[in-house]
Amino acid sequence: MCRALDEMFEESTNKGIQMGIKQGIKQGIEQGIERGIKNTQIKIAIKMLVRNNQTLEEISEIVGLDLDALRELKKSI
């Protein structure tokens, strides 16, 4: 009887772990997509501001990014 309970416990634990991993992967993908969209929106906003002759300091205040991070981001645009 004890062995059967141990096997049931192990099986349910393994299923729980598998479900947790699947859920974690799904959430990770969703968060990655959200970050990608947000980064794209920020890049578009920066391009528009640069075209309007805004300084990096002004852009930094508008989009709420650190000036150094903004400089790095501008290089990739």
Protein backbone atom coordinates (compact mmCIF):
# COMPACT_ATOMS: atom_id res chain seq x y z
CA MET A 1 0.00 0.00 0.00
CA CYS A 2 2.80 2.40 0.89
CA ARG A 3 4.56 1.73 -2.41
CA ALA A 4 1.37 2.49 -4.36
CA LEU A 5 0.97 5.78 -2.50
CA ASP A 6 4.60 6.67 -3.18
CA GLU A 7 4.11 5.99 -6.89
CA MET A 8 0.92 8.07 -6.99
CA PHE A 9 2.67 10.91 -5.20
CA GLU A 10 5.62 10.77 -7.57
CA GLU A 11 3.34 10.71 -10.62
CA SER A 12 1.27 13.66 -9.44
CA THR A 13 4.44 15.58 -8.55
CA ASN A 14 5.86 14.99 -12.02
CA LYS A 15 2.59 16.14 -13.63
CA GLY A 16 2.62 19.25 -11.48
CA ILE A 17 6.19 20.03 -12.49
CA GLN A 18 5.35 19.53 -16.18
CA MET A 19 2.33 21.81 -15.92
CA GLY A 20 4.40 24.44 -14.14
CA ILE A 21 7.09 24.33 -16.83
CA LYS A 22 4.49 24.67 -19.62
CA GLN A 23 2.85 27.61 -17.86
CA GLY A 24 6.23 29.26 -17.28
CA ILE A 25 7.18 28.93 -20.94
CA LYS A 26 3.83 30.38 -22.04
CA GLN A 27 4.22 33.36 -19.69
CA GLY A 28 7.80 33.90 -20.84
CA ILE A 29 6.73 34.01 -24.48
CA GLU A 30 3.91 36.45 -23.69
CA GLN A 31 6.25 38.73 -21.74
CA GLY A 32 8.82 38.60 -24.54
CA ILE A 33 6.21 39.66 -27.07
CA GLU A 34 5.03 42.51 -24.83
CA ARG A 35 8.61 43.76 -24.38
CA GLY A 36 9.23 43.55 -28.11
CA ILE A 37 6.13 45.61 -28.84
CA LYS A 38 7.08 48.17 -26.19
CA ASN A 39 10.65 48.46 -27.53
CA THR A 40 9.31 48.94 -31.07
CA GLN A 41 6.94 51.65 -29.87
CA ILE A 42 9.79 53.42 -28.07
CA LYS A 43 12.00 53.23 -31.17
CA ILE A 44 9.23 54.70 -33.33
CA ALA A 45 8.65 57.50 -30.81
CA ILE A 46 12.37 58.26 -30.70
CA LYS A 47 12.57 58.38 -34.51
CA MET A 48 9.68 60.82 -34.60
CA LEU A 49 11.21 63.01 -31.91
CA VAL A 50 14.62 62.99 -33.61
CA ARG A 51 12.96 64.07 -36.87
CA ASN A 52 11.39 66.96 -34.96
CA ASN A 53 14.88 68.04 -33.83
CA GLN A 54 14.38 67.08 -30.20
CA THR A 55 17.60 66.71 -28.21
CA LEU A 56 18.46 63.40 -26.56
CA GLU A 57 17.93 65.06 -23.19
CA GLU A 58 14.41 66.12 -24.19
CA ILE A 59 13.66 62.68 -25.60
CA SER A 60 14.99 61.10 -22.40
CA GLU A 61 12.52 63.13 -20.34
CA ILE A 62 9.62 62.39 -22.69
CA VAL A 63 10.07 58.61 -22.94
CA GLY A 64 11.47 58.16 -19.44
CA LEU A 65 14.69 56.42 -20.44
CA ASP A 66 18.14 56.86 -18.98
CA LEU A 67 20.26 59.08 -21.27
CA ASP A 68 22.95 56.39 -21.71
CA ALA A 69 20.32 53.76 -22.53
CA LEU A 70 18.80 56.19 -25.00
CA ARG A 71 22.16 56.72 -26.71
CA GLU A 72 22.58 52.96 -27.09
CA LEU A 73 19.07 52.62 -28.43
CA LYS A 74 19.62 55.44 -30.92
CA LYS A 75 22.67 53.62 -32.30
CA SER A 76 20.48 50.63 -33.18
CA ILE A 77 17.89 52.73 -34.99
